Amino acid sequence: MDKRVVLSKGVNKGKRLRVTMNFPNMHHHEFGSKTGKTFIDGRKQVEKDAFIARHKKNKNWDNPHAGIYYSRHLLWGPYPSLLKNIKALEKKDGIKIINKL
């Protein structure tokens, strides 16, 4: 089975993005604040480091079935570009992300 993740706008109040995945079954996770600014919005490396320090103790930090995981890798990822972070996460996790933004 191909692991596919669809990235789209969040539908829950206050959430910026949604990922819908087909593994192990169809489900979704919403993440990111609609009003917050992240690394892809121009926040500085020091702010990214603070985000990581604040959240890395979250029990779902390394869980691809949690919103914080996608916030970490897409909004606060290694690049200040969502498209580059999508490519990096696809490679890291062996998945295909379909960008519907």
PDB file of N, CA and C in Angstrom:
ATOM      1  N   MET A   1       0.835  -1.178   0.000  1.00  0.00           N
ATOM      2  CA  MET A   1       0.000   0.000   0.000  1.00  0.00           C
ATOM      3  C   MET A   1       0.885   1.249   0.000  1.00  0.00           C
ATOM      4  N   ASP A   2       0.531   2.203  -0.834  1.00  0.00           N
ATOM      5  CA  ASP A   2       1.216   3.488  -0.825  1.00  0.00           C
ATOM      6  C   ASP A   2       0.769   4.293   0.379  1.00  0.00           C
ATOM      7  N   LYS A   3       1.733   4.886   1.053  1.00  0.00           N
ATOM      8  CA  LYS A   3       1.393   5.781   2.153  1.00  0.00           C
ATOM      9  C   LYS A   3       1.219   7.174   1.579  1.00  0.00           C
ATOM     10  N   ARG A   4      -0.013   7.658   1.614  1.00  0.00           N
ATOM     11  CA  ARG A   4      -0.340   8.974   1.069  1.00  0.00           C
ATOM     12  C   ARG A   4      -0.886   9.873   2.153  1.00  0.00           C
ATOM     13  N   VAL A   5      -0.451  11.124   2.101  1.00  0.00           N
ATOM     14  CA  VAL A   5      -0.928  12.149   3.021  1.00  0.00           C
ATOM     15  C   VAL A   5      -1.401  13.319   2.179  1.00  0.00           C
ATOM     16  N   VAL A   6      -2.625  13.757   2.404  1.00  0.00           N
ATOM     17  CA  VAL A   6      -3.160  14.921   1.707  1.00  0.00           C
ATOM     18  C   VAL A   6      -3.069  16.105   2.659  1.00  0.00           C
ATOM     19  N   LEU A   7      -2.402  17.165   2.218  1.00  0.00           N
ATOM     20  CA  LEU A   7      -2.251  18.384   3.003  1.00  0.00           C
ATOM     21  C   LEU A   7      -3.259  19.404   2.488  1.00  0.00           C
ATOM     22  N   SER A   8      -4.102  19.912   3.387  1.00  0.00           N
ATOM     23  CA  SER A   8      -5.124  20.880   2.995  1.00  0.00           C
ATOM     24  C   SER A   8      -5.327  21.894   4.117  1.00  0.00           C
ATOM     25  N   LYS A   9      -6.168  22.891   3.863  1.00  0.00           N
ATOM     26  CA  LYS A   9      -6.486  23.887   4.885  1.00  0.00           C
ATOM     27  C   LYS A   9      -7.253  23.214   6.012  1.00  0.00           C
ATOM     28  N   GLY A  10      -6.995  23.693   7.235  1.00  0.00           N
ATOM     29  CA  GLY A  10      -7.721  23.172   8.384  1.00  0.00           C
ATOM     30  C   GLY A  10      -9.184  23.576   8.335  1.00  0.00           C
ATOM     31  N   VAL A  11     -10.039  22.715   8.851  1.00  0.00           N
ATOM     32  CA  VAL A  11     -11.462  23.026   8.899  1.00  0.00           C
ATOM     33  C   VAL A  11     -11.939  23.293  10.327  1.00  0.00           C
ATOM     34  N   ASN A  12     -11.196  22.817  11.319  1.00  0.00           N
ATOM     35  CA  ASN A  12     -11.552  23.088  12.704  1.00  0.00           C
ATOM     36  C   ASN A  12     -11.204  24.527  13.054  1.00  0.00           C
ATOM     37  N   LYS A  13     -12.017  25.124  13.883  1.00  0.00           N
ATOM     38  CA  LYS A  13     -11.815  26.520  14.277  1.00  0.00           C
ATOM     39  C   LYS A  13     -10.404  26.721  14.841  1.00  0.00           C
ATOM     40  N   GLY A  14      -9.705  27.676  14.291  1.00  0.00           N
ATOM     41  CA  GLY A  14      -8.387  28.031  14.791  1.00  0.00           C
ATOM     42  C   GLY A  14      -7.231  27.201  14.253  1.00  0.00           C
ATOM     43  N   LYS A  15      -7.488  26.170  13.475  1.00  0.00           N
ATOM     44  CA  LYS A  15      -6.415  25.327  12.962  1.00  0.00           C
ATOM     45  C   LYS A  15      -6.072  25.705  11.525  1.00  0.00           C
ATOM     46  N   ARG A  16      -4.795  25.776  11.251  1.00  0.00           N
ATOM     47  CA  ARG A  16      -4.293  26.237   9.953  1.00  0.00           C
ATOM     48  C   ARG A  16      -4.311  25.156   8.879  1.00  0.00           C
ATOM     49  N   LEU A  17      -3.837  23.958   9.227  1.00  0.00           N
ATOM     50  CA  LEU A  17      -3.673  22.900   8.237  1.00  0.00           C
ATOM     51  C   LEU A  17      -4.261  21.585   8.723  1.00  0.00           C
ATOM     52  N   ARG A  18      -4.499  20.710   7.761  1.00  0.00           N
ATOM     53  CA  ARG A  18      -5.010  19.370   8.037  1.00  0.00           C
ATOM     54  C   ARG A  18      -4.229  18.385   7.177  1.00  0.00           C
ATOM     55  N   VAL A  19      -3.872  17.252   7.763  1.00  0.00           N
ATOM     56  CA  VAL A  19      -3.333  16.140   6.991  1.00  0.00           C
ATOM     57  C   VAL A  19      -4.340  14.996   7.086  1.00  0.00           C
ATOM     58  N   THR A  20      -4.641  14.427   5.933  1.00  0.00           N
ATOM     59  CA  THR A  20      -5.515  13.256   5.865  1.00  0.00           C
ATOM     60  C   THR A  20      -4.659  12.126   5.330  1.00  0.00           C
ATOM     61  N   MET A  21      -4.630  11.039   6.063  1.00  0.00           N
ATOM     62  CA  MET A  21      -3.748   9.932   5.682  1.00  0.00           C
ATOM     63  C   MET A  21      -4.525   8.638   5.514  1.00  0.00           C
ATOM     64  N   ASN A  22      -3.955   7.729   4.744  1.00  0.00           N
ATOM     65  CA  ASN A  22      -4.614   6.458   4.456  1.00  0.00           C
ATOM     66  C   ASN A  22      -3.954   5.275   5.157  1.00  0.00           C
ATOM     67  N   PHE A  23      -3.151   5.533   6.183  1.00  0.00           N
ATOM     68  CA  PHE A  23      -2.494   4.432   6.868  1.00  0.00           C
ATOM     69  C   PHE A  23      -2.591   4.607   8.370  1.00  0.00           C
ATOM     70  N   PRO A  24      -2.903   3.642   9.179  1.00  0.00           N
ATOM     71  CA  PRO A  24      -3.331   2.306   8.780  1.00  0.00           C
ATOM     72  C   PRO A  24      -4.767   2.303   8.225  1.00  0.00           C
ATOM     73  N   ASN A  25      -5.509   3.384   8.458  1.00  0.00           N
ATOM     74  CA  ASN A  25      -6.833   3.555   7.860  1.00  0.00           C
ATOM     75  C   ASN A  25      -7.033   5.058   7.632  1.00  0.00           C
ATOM     76  N   MET A  26      -8.095   5.439   6.975  1.00  0.00           N
ATOM     77  CA  MET A  26      -8.324   6.850   6.650  1.00  0.00           C
ATOM     78  C   MET A  26      -8.627   7.645   7.928  1.00  0.00           C
ATOM     79  N   HIS A  27      -7.836   8.668   8.179  1.00  0.00           N
ATOM     80  CA  HIS A  27      -8.062   9.564   9.316  1.00  0.00           C
ATOM     81  C   HIS A  27      -7.317  10.865   9.070  1.00  0.00           C
ATOM     82  N   HIS A  28      -7.520  11.847   9.949  1.00  0.00           N
ATOM     83  CA  HIS A  28      -6.861  13.141   9.754  1.00  0.00           C
ATOM     84  C   HIS A  28      -6.413  13.737  11.087  1.00  0.00           C
ATOM     85  N   HIS A  29      -5.525  14.741  10.964  1.00  0.00           N
ATOM     86  CA  HIS A  29      -5.026  15.500  12.104  1.00  0.00           C
ATOM     87  C   HIS A  29      -4.944  16.956  11.686  1.00  0.00           C
ATOM     88  N   GLU A  30      -5.362  17.833  12.564  1.00  0.00           N
ATOM     89  CA  GLU A  30      -5.273  19.267  12.295  1.00  0.00           C
ATOM     90  C   GLU A  30      -4.172  19.840  13.174  1.00  0.00           C
ATOM     91  N   PHE A  31      -3.504  20.871  12.658  1.00  0.00           N
ATOM     92  CA  PHE A  31      -2.370  21.431  13.393  1.00  0.00           C
ATOM     93  C   PHE A  31      -2.101  22.860  12.968  1.00  0.00           C
ATOM     94  N   GLY A  32      -1.327  23.549  13.781  1.00  0.00           N
ATOM     95  CA  GLY A  32      -0.930  24.923  13.498  1.00  0.00           C
ATOM     96  C   GLY A  32      -2.053  25.903  13.782  1.00  0.00           C
ATOM     97  N   SER A  33      -1.693  27.020  14.372  1.00  0.00           N
ATOM     98  CA  SER A  33      -2.662  28.073  14.660  1.00  0.00           C
ATOM     99  C   SER A  33      -2.888  28.925  13.417  1.00  0.00           C
ATOM    100  N   LYS A  34      -4.149  29.246  13.132  1.00  0.00           N
ATOM    101  CA  LYS A  34      -4.451  30.120  11.992  1.00  0.00           C
ATOM    102  C   LYS A  34      -3.826  31.497  12.164  1.00  0.00           C
ATOM    103  N   THR A  35      -3.648  31.928  13.403  1.00  0.00           N
ATOM    104  CA  THR A  35      -3.118  33.272  13.652  1.00  0.00           C
ATOM    105  C   THR A  35      -1.630  33.284  13.984  1.00  0.00           C
ATOM    106  N   GLY A  36      -1.045  32.119  14.288  1.00  0.00           N
ATOM    107  CA  GLY A  36       0.361  32.066  14.659  1.00  0.00           C
ATOM    108  C   GLY A  36       1.296  32.140  13.464  1.00  0.00           C
ATOM    109  N   LYS A  37       2.490  32.608  13.701  1.00  0.00           N
ATOM    110  CA  LYS A  37       3.534  32.664  12.679  1.00  0.00           C
ATOM    111  C   LYS A  37       4.571  31.584  12.988  1.00  0.00           C
ATOM    112  N   THR A  38       5.087  30.955  11.939  1.00  0.00           N
ATOM    113  CA  THR A  38       6.032  29.861  12.105  1.00  0.00           C
ATOM    114  C   THR A  38       7.292  30.131  11.286  1.00  0.00           C
ATOM    115  N   PHE A  39       8.183  29.150  11.247  1.00  0.00           N
ATOM    116  CA  PHE A  39       9.438  29.278  10.509  1.00  0.00           C
ATOM    117  C   PHE A  39       9.182  29.540   9.023  1.00  0.00           C
ATOM    118  N   ILE A  40       8.141  28.918   8.454  1.00  0.00           N
ATOM    119  CA  ILE A  40       7.851  29.144   7.039  1.00  0.00           C
ATOM    120  C   ILE A  40       7.227  30.517   6.789  1.00  0.00           C
ATOM    121  N   ASP A  41       6.836  31.203   7.869  1.00  0.00           N
ATOM    122  CA  ASP A  41       6.264  32.554   7.764  1.00  0.00           C
ATOM    123  C   ASP A  41       7.292  33.643   8.062  1.00  0.00           C
ATOM    124  N   GLY A  42       8.541  33.231   8.293  1.00  0.00           N
ATOM    125  CA  GLY A  42       9.586  34.215   8.528  1.00  0.00           C
ATOM    126  C   GLY A  42      10.123  34.290   9.943  1.00  0.00           C
ATOM    127  N   ARG A  43       9.653  33.403  10.826  1.00  0.00           N
ATOM    128  CA  ARG A  43      10.239  33.393  12.170  1.00  0.00           C
ATOM    129  C   ARG A  43      11.712  33.035  12.076  1.00  0.00           C
ATOM    130  N   LYS A  44      12.471  33.486  13.044  1.00  0.00           N
ATOM    131  CA  LYS A  44      13.923  33.300  13.053  1.00  0.00           C
ATOM    132  C   LYS A  44      14.320  31.941  13.635  1.00  0.00           C
ATOM    133  N   GLN A  45      15.555  31.553  13.385  1.00  0.00           N
ATOM    134  CA  GLN A  45      16.077  30.276  13.886  1.00  0.00           C
ATOM    135  C   GLN A  45      15.962  30.196  15.403  1.00  0.00           C
ATOM    136  N   VAL A  46      16.212  31.284  16.106  1.00  0.00           N
ATOM    137  CA  VAL A  46      16.133  31.276  17.573  1.00  0.00           C
ATOM    138  C   VAL A  46      14.698  30.974  18.027  1.00  0.00           C
ATOM    139  N   GLU A  47      13.707  31.449  17.280  1.00  0.00           N
ATOM    140  CA  GLU A  47      12.308  31.160  17.613  1.00  0.00           C
ATOM    141  C   GLU A  47      11.967  29.704  17.296  1.00  0.00           C
ATOM    142  N   LYS A  48      12.551  29.191  16.235  1.00  0.00           N
ATOM    143  CA  LYS A  48      12.375  27.774  15.896  1.00  0.00           C
ATOM    144  C   LYS A  48      12.972  26.904  16.999  1.00  0.00           C
ATOM    145  N   ASP A  49      14.171  27.264  17.452  1.00  0.00           N
ATOM    146  CA  ASP A  49      14.816  26.517  18.528  1.00  0.00           C
ATOM    147  C   ASP A  49      13.970  26.540  19.796  1.00  0.00           C
ATOM    148  N   ALA A  50      13.341  27.677  20.074  1.00  0.00           N
ATOM    149  CA  ALA A  50      12.473  27.792  21.255  1.00  0.00           C
ATOM    150  C   ALA A  50      11.237  26.899  21.098  1.00  0.00           C
ATOM    151  N   PHE A  51      10.661  26.852  19.900  1.00  0.00           N
ATOM    152  CA  PHE A  51       9.520  25.973  19.638  1.00  0.00           C
ATOM    153  C   PHE A  51       9.910  24.522  19.902  1.00  0.00           C
ATOM    154  N   ILE A  52      11.048  24.120  19.381  1.00  0.00           N
ATOM    155  CA  ILE A  52      11.516  22.745  19.556  1.00  0.00           C
ATOM    156  C   ILE A  52      11.749  22.433  21.032  1.00  0.00           C
ATOM    157  N   ALA A  53      12.414  23.329  21.745  1.00  0.00           N
ATOM    158  CA  ALA A  53      12.677  23.108  23.169  1.00  0.00           C
ATOM    159  C   ALA A  53      11.377  22.993  23.962  1.00  0.00           C
ATOM    160  N   ARG A  54      10.399  23.788  23.588  1.00  0.00           N
ATOM    161  CA  ARG A  54       9.105  23.805  24.282  1.00  0.00           C
ATOM    162  C   ARG A  54       8.292  22.532  24.035  1.00  0.00           C
ATOM    163  N   HIS A  55       8.377  21.983  22.838  1.00  0.00           N
ATOM    164  CA  HIS A  55       7.485  20.891  22.458  1.00  0.00           C
ATOM    165  C   HIS A  55       8.123  19.514  22.353  1.00  0.00           C
ATOM    166  N   LYS A  56       9.439  19.413  22.365  1.00  0.00           N
ATOM    167  CA  LYS A  56      10.056  18.100  22.115  1.00  0.00           C
ATOM    168  C   LYS A  56       9.784  17.072  23.210  1.00  0.00           C
ATOM    169  N   LYS A  57       9.283  17.506  24.353  1.00  0.00           N
ATOM    170  CA  LYS A  57       8.927  16.551  25.408  1.00  0.00           C
ATOM    171  C   LYS A  57       7.502  16.035  25.241  1.00  0.00           C
ATOM    172  N   ASN A  58       6.794  16.555  24.245  1.00  0.00           N
ATOM    173  CA  ASN A  58       5.441  16.092  23.949  1.00  0.00           C
ATOM    174  C   ASN A  58       5.512  14.602  23.593  1.00  0.00           C
ATOM    175  N   LYS A  59       4.633  13.797  24.170  1.00  0.00           N
ATOM    176  CA  LYS A  59       4.702  12.349  23.953  1.00  0.00           C
ATOM    177  C   LYS A  59       4.515  11.964  22.484  1.00  0.00           C
ATOM    178  N   ASN A  60       3.907  12.835  21.689  1.00  0.00           N
ATOM    179  CA  ASN A  60       3.677  12.530  20.274  1.00  0.00           C
ATOM    180  C   ASN A  60       4.682  13.198  19.325  1.00  0.00           C
ATOM    181  N   TRP A  61       5.760  13.716  19.869  1.00  0.00           N
ATOM    182  CA  TRP A  61       6.761  14.436  19.084  1.00  0.00           C
ATOM    183  C   TRP A  61       7.244  13.622  17.878  1.00  0.00           C
ATOM    184  N   ASP A  62       7.419  12.322  18.052  1.00  0.00           N
ATOM    185  CA  ASP A  62       7.903  11.448  16.980  1.00  0.00           C
ATOM    186  C   ASP A  62       6.817  10.547  16.398  1.00  0.00           C
ATOM    187  N   ASN A  63       5.563  10.887  16.645  1.00  0.00           N
ATOM    188  CA  ASN A  63       4.438  10.058  16.204  1.00  0.00           C
ATOM    189  C   ASN A  63       3.805  10.644  14.946  1.00  0.00           C
ATOM    190  N   PRO A  64       3.947   9.980  13.797  1.00  0.00           N
ATOM    191  CA  PRO A  64       3.356  10.515  12.559  1.00  0.00           C
ATOM    192  C   PRO A  64       1.832  10.485  12.547  1.00  0.00           C
ATOM    193  N   HIS A  65       1.234  10.042  13.632  1.00  0.00           N
ATOM    194  CA  HIS A  65      -0.226  10.072  13.761  1.00  0.00           C
ATOM    195  C   HIS A  65      -0.632  11.105  14.807  1.00  0.00           C
ATOM    196  N   ALA A  66       0.065  12.251  14.772  1.00  0.00           N
ATOM    197  CA  ALA A  66      -0.247  13.349  15.684  1.00  0.00           C
ATOM    198  C   ALA A  66       0.030  14.680  14.985  1.00  0.00           C
ATOM    199  N   GLY A  67      -0.773  15.666  15.291  1.00  0.00           N
ATOM    200  CA  GLY A  67      -0.619  16.980  14.682  1.00  0.00           C
ATOM    201  C   GLY A  67       0.729  17.619  14.944  1.00  0.00           C
ATOM    202  N   ILE A  68       1.265  17.453  16.160  1.00  0.00           N
ATOM    203  CA  ILE A  68       2.548  18.084  16.510  1.00  0.00           C
ATOM    204  C   ILE A  68       3.666  17.595  15.581  1.00  0.00           C
ATOM    205  N   TYR A  69       3.580  16.363  15.122  1.00  0.00           N
ATOM    206  CA  TYR A  69       4.583  15.802  14.226  1.00  0.00           C
ATOM    207  C   TYR A  69       4.628  16.595  12.918  1.00  0.00           C
ATOM    208  N   TYR A  70       3.458  16.902  12.372  1.00  0.00           N
ATOM    209  CA  TYR A  70       3.401  17.632  11.112  1.00  0.00           C
ATOM    210  C   TYR A  70       3.710  19.110  11.309  1.00  0.00           C
ATOM    211  N   SER A  71       3.347  19.656  12.450  1.00  0.00           N
ATOM    212  CA  SER A  71       3.730  21.022  12.762  1.00  0.00           C
ATOM    213  C   SER A  71       5.251  21.131  12.814  1.00  0.00           C
ATOM    214  N   ARG A  72       5.862  20.185  13.495  1.00  0.00           N
ATOM    215  CA  ARG A  72       7.325  20.146  13.622  1.00  0.00           C
ATOM    216  C   ARG A  72       8.009  20.058  12.259  1.00  0.00           C
ATOM    217  N   HIS A  73       7.539  19.165  11.396  1.00  0.00           N
ATOM    218  CA  HIS A  73       8.232  18.902  10.136  1.00  0.00           C
ATOM    219  C   HIS A  73       7.835  19.825   8.989  1.00  0.00           C
ATOM    220  N   LEU A  74       6.612  20.346   9.004  1.00  0.00           N
ATOM    221  CA  LEU A  74       6.176  21.187   7.893  1.00  0.00           C
ATOM    222  C   LEU A  74       6.240  22.675   8.211  1.00  0.00           C
ATOM    223  N   LEU A  75       5.745  23.077   9.370  1.00  0.00           N
ATOM    224  CA  LEU A  75       5.729  24.500   9.719  1.00  0.00           C
ATOM    225  C   LEU A  75       7.039  24.974  10.337  1.00  0.00           C
ATOM    226  N   TRP A  76       7.693  24.093  11.074  1.00  0.00           N
ATOM    227  CA  TRP A  76       8.952  24.427  11.748  1.00  0.00           C
ATOM    228  C   TRP A  76      10.084  23.530  11.259  1.00  0.00           C
ATOM    229  N   GLY A  77       9.985  23.037  10.044  1.00  0.00           N
ATOM    230  CA  GLY A  77      10.953  22.098   9.491  1.00  0.00           C
ATOM    231  C   GLY A  77      12.317  22.697   9.223  1.00  0.00           C
ATOM    232  N   PRO A  78      13.173  21.956   8.528  1.00  0.00           N
ATOM    233  CA  PRO A  78      14.553  22.400   8.308  1.00  0.00           C
ATOM    234  C   PRO A  78      14.668  23.605   7.381  1.00  0.00           C
ATOM    235  N   TYR A  79      13.645  23.873   6.590  1.00  0.00           N
ATOM    236  CA  TYR A  79      13.703  24.969   5.614  1.00  0.00           C
ATOM    237  C   TYR A  79      12.609  26.006   5.889  1.00  0.00           C
ATOM    238  N   PRO A  80      12.843  27.250   5.547  1.00  0.00           N
ATOM    239  CA  PRO A  80      11.806  28.274   5.689  1.00  0.00           C
ATOM    240  C   PRO A  80      10.816  28.254   4.516  1.00  0.00           C
ATOM    241  N   SER A  81      10.668  27.089   3.889  1.00  0.00           N
ATOM    242  CA  SER A  81       9.796  26.906   2.738  1.00  0.00           C
ATOM    243  C   SER A  81       8.924  25.669   2.953  1.00  0.00           C
ATOM    244  N   LEU A  82       7.616  25.840   2.868  1.00  0.00           N
ATOM    245  CA  LEU A  82       6.715  24.703   3.024  1.00  0.00           C
ATOM    246  C   LEU A  82       6.991  23.642   1.968  1.00  0.00           C
ATOM    247  N   LEU A  83       7.192  24.052   0.727  1.00  0.00           N
ATOM    248  CA  LEU A  83       7.425  23.074  -0.345  1.00  0.00           C
ATOM    249  C   LEU A  83       8.682  22.247  -0.098  1.00  0.00           C
ATOM    250  N   LYS A  84       9.754  22.890   0.356  1.00  0.00           N
ATOM    251  CA  LYS A  84      10.987  22.147   0.658  1.00  0.00           C
ATOM    252  C   LYS A  84      10.787  21.214   1.849  1.00  0.00           C
ATOM    253  N   ASN A  85      10.019  21.670   2.845  1.00  0.00           N
ATOM    254  CA  ASN A  85       9.754  20.822   4.007  1.00  0.00           C
ATOM    255  C   ASN A  85       8.888  19.619   3.631  1.00  0.00           C
ATOM    256  N   ILE A  86       7.966  19.807   2.703  1.00  0.00           N
ATOM    257  CA  ILE A  86       7.157  18.686   2.209  1.00  0.00           C
ATOM    258  C   ILE A  86       8.071  17.647   1.573  1.00  0.00           C
ATOM    259  N   LYS A  87       8.957  18.089   0.706  1.00  0.00           N
ATOM    260  CA  LYS A  87       9.887  17.161   0.037  1.00  0.00           C
ATOM    261  C   LYS A  87      10.763  16.433   1.053  1.00  0.00           C
ATOM    262  N   ALA A  88      11.258  17.165   2.059  1.00  0.00           N
ATOM    263  CA  ALA A  88      12.118  16.555   3.074  1.00  0.00           C
ATOM    264  C   ALA A  88      11.354  15.500   3.875  1.00  0.00           C
ATOM    265  N   LEU A  89      10.098  15.777   4.214  1.00  0.00           N
ATOM    266  CA  LEU A  89       9.311  14.816   4.985  1.00  0.00           C
ATOM    267  C   LEU A  89       8.938  13.601   4.135  1.00  0.00           C
ATOM    268  N   GLU A  90       8.643  13.816   2.869  1.00  0.00           N
ATOM    269  CA  GLU A  90       8.371  12.686   1.970  1.00  0.00           C
ATOM    270  C   GLU A  90       9.561  11.733   1.948  1.00  0.00           C
ATOM    271  N   LYS A  91      10.734  12.291   1.823  1.00  0.00           N
ATOM    272  CA  LYS A  91      11.956  11.469   1.769  1.00  0.00           C
ATOM    273  C   LYS A  91      12.205  10.773   3.105  1.00  0.00           C
ATOM    274  N   LYS A  92      12.055  11.515   4.201  1.00  0.00           N
ATOM    275  CA  LYS A  92      12.307  10.969   5.536  1.00  0.00           C
ATOM    276  C   LYS A  92      11.383   9.804   5.855  1.00  0.00           C
ATOM    277  N   ASP A  93      10.084   9.963   5.560  1.00  0.00           N
ATOM    278  CA  ASP A  93       9.086   8.968   5.960  1.00  0.00           C
ATOM    279  C   ASP A  93       8.687   7.994   4.847  1.00  0.00           C
ATOM    280  N   GLY A  94       9.178   8.184   3.645  1.00  0.00           N
ATOM    281  CA  GLY A  94       8.805   7.305   2.553  1.00  0.00           C
ATOM    282  C   GLY A  94       7.328   7.398   2.211  1.00  0.00           C
ATOM    283  N   ILE A  95       6.815   8.627   2.210  1.00  0.00           N
ATOM    284  CA  ILE A  95       5.397   8.862   1.925  1.00  0.00           C
ATOM    285  C   ILE A  95       5.252   9.799   0.741  1.00  0.00           C
ATOM    286  N   LYS A  96       4.039   9.930   0.249  1.00  0.00           N
ATOM    287  CA  LYS A  96       3.724  10.904  -0.794  1.00  0.00           C
ATOM    288  C   LYS A  96       2.752  11.910  -0.190  1.00  0.00           C
ATOM    289  N   ILE A  97       3.144  13.194  -0.206  1.00  0.00           N
ATOM    290  CA  ILE A  97       2.273  14.250   0.311  1.00  0.00           C
ATOM    291  C   ILE A  97       1.655  14.966  -0.885  1.00  0.00           C
ATOM    292  N   ILE A  98       0.349  14.980  -0.908  1.00  0.00           N
ATOM    293  CA  ILE A  98      -0.398  15.655  -1.963  1.00  0.00           C
ATOM    294  C   ILE A  98      -0.817  17.011  -1.413  1.00  0.00           C
ATOM    295  N   ASN A  99      -0.237  18.065  -1.977  1.00  0.00           N
ATOM    296  CA  ASN A  99      -0.454  19.435  -1.499  1.00  0.00           C
ATOM    297  C   ASN A  99      -1.694  20.025  -2.155  1.00  0.00           C
ATOM    298  N   LYS A 100      -2.748  20.233  -1.367  1.00  0.00           N
ATOM    299  CA  LYS A 100      -3.983  20.811  -1.882  1.00  0.00           C
ATOM    300  C   LYS A 100      -4.235  22.209  -1.336  1.00  0.00           C
ATOM    301  N   LEU A 101      -3.171  22.903  -0.999  1.00  0.00           N
ATOM    302  CA  LEU A 101      -3.320  24.262  -0.466  1.00  0.00           C
ATOM    303  C   LEU A 101      -3.525  25.271  -1.575  1.00  0.00           C
TER     304      LEU A 101
END
